[in-house]
Amino acid sequence: MPLEITSLDRFIEIAKRAEECRVKRVRKSNIVKIKARTKRYLYTFKTTEDKLQEVLGKISCKQVIDVDKQSKS
């Protein structure tokens, strides 16, 4: 089961050791989920579409994948 993180500062620390981060947009609302995969757990963080670029600028994942853009290709 994924663990949901509500603190941005804690999610930034987790994202530093993550192997990859995925961005998933929820279709019916303005919510975006950022998922950080570590060796042991999958962590999720919810934010709004407006704050997405700000959050992505702060995290330092090895690889950032936008799931919605990949599925349309």
Protein backbone atom coordinates (compact mmCIF):
# COMPACT_ATOMS: atom_id res chain seq x y z
CA MET A 1 0.00 0.00 0.00
CA PRO A 2 1.28 3.48 -0.81
CA LEU A 3 1.91 5.87 2.06
CA GLU A 4 0.39 9.34 1.72
CA ILE A 5 2.58 12.21 2.89
CA THR A 6 0.87 15.50 3.76
CA SER A 7 3.95 17.59 4.58
CA LEU A 8 5.80 19.08 1.60
CA ASP A 9 9.10 19.25 3.50
CA ARG A 10 8.93 15.57 4.40
CA PHE A 11 8.06 14.63 0.80
CA ILE A 12 11.08 16.60 -0.48
CA GLU A 13 13.35 14.59 1.84
CA ILE A 14 11.81 11.31 0.65
CA ALA A 15 12.11 12.35 -3.01
CA LYS A 16 15.88 12.80 -2.60
CA ARG A 17 16.30 9.06 -2.13
CA ALA A 18 13.59 8.02 -4.60
CA GLU A 19 14.48 6.04 -7.70
CA GLU A 20 11.80 7.82 -9.74
CA CYS A 21 8.88 10.21 -9.33
CA ARG A 22 5.66 10.01 -11.31
CA VAL A 23 3.11 12.76 -11.88
CA LYS A 24 -0.52 11.65 -12.18
CA ARG A 25 -3.38 14.07 -12.81
CA VAL A 26 -6.84 13.27 -11.40
CA ARG A 27 -9.30 13.90 -14.24
CA LYS A 28 -12.38 15.12 -12.35
CA SER A 29 -10.64 17.61 -10.10
CA ASN A 30 -7.72 20.02 -9.99
CA ILE A 31 -5.61 17.59 -7.94
CA VAL A 32 -2.25 16.20 -9.02
CA LYS A 33 -0.56 13.24 -7.32
CA ILE A 34 3.20 12.99 -7.21
CA LYS A 35 4.39 9.47 -6.48
CA ALA A 36 7.92 8.77 -5.25
CA ARG A 37 9.17 5.18 -5.54
CA THR A 38 11.89 4.17 -3.09
CA LYS A 39 13.34 0.71 -2.68
CA ARG A 40 10.87 -0.13 0.05
CA TYR A 41 7.74 2.03 -0.30
CA LEU A 42 5.69 4.09 -2.71
CA TYR A 43 4.97 7.53 -1.26
CA THR A 44 2.28 9.86 -2.62
CA PHE A 45 1.80 13.59 -2.23
CA LYS A 46 -1.30 15.49 -3.38
CA THR A 47 -1.15 19.06 -4.62
CA THR A 48 -3.08 21.35 -6.95
CA GLU A 49 -2.33 21.89 -10.62
CA ASP A 50 -1.31 25.49 -9.83
CA LYS A 51 1.41 24.47 -7.35
CA LEU A 52 2.77 21.55 -9.40
CA GLN A 53 5.68 23.38 -11.07
CA GLU A 54 6.72 24.89 -7.74
CA VAL A 55 6.80 21.46 -6.08
CA LEU A 56 8.61 19.83 -9.01
CA GLY A 57 11.25 22.56 -8.81
CA LYS A 58 11.93 21.71 -5.17
CA ILE A 59 12.20 17.92 -5.45
CA SER A 60 15.30 16.22 -6.79
CA CYS A 61 14.27 12.84 -8.15
CA LYS A 62 16.62 10.93 -10.40
CA GLN A 63 13.84 10.58 -12.98
CA VAL A 64 10.51 12.45 -13.26
CA ILE A 65 7.83 10.81 -15.43
CA ASP A 66 4.54 12.44 -16.42
CA VAL A 67 2.19 9.45 -16.66
CA ASP A 68 -0.59 11.29 -18.51
CA LYS A 69 1.70 12.52 -21.29
CA GLN A 70 3.15 9.02 -21.80
CA SER A 71 -0.24 7.31 -22.08
CA LYS A 72 -1.42 9.70 -24.83
CA SER A 73 1.60 8.98 -27.05
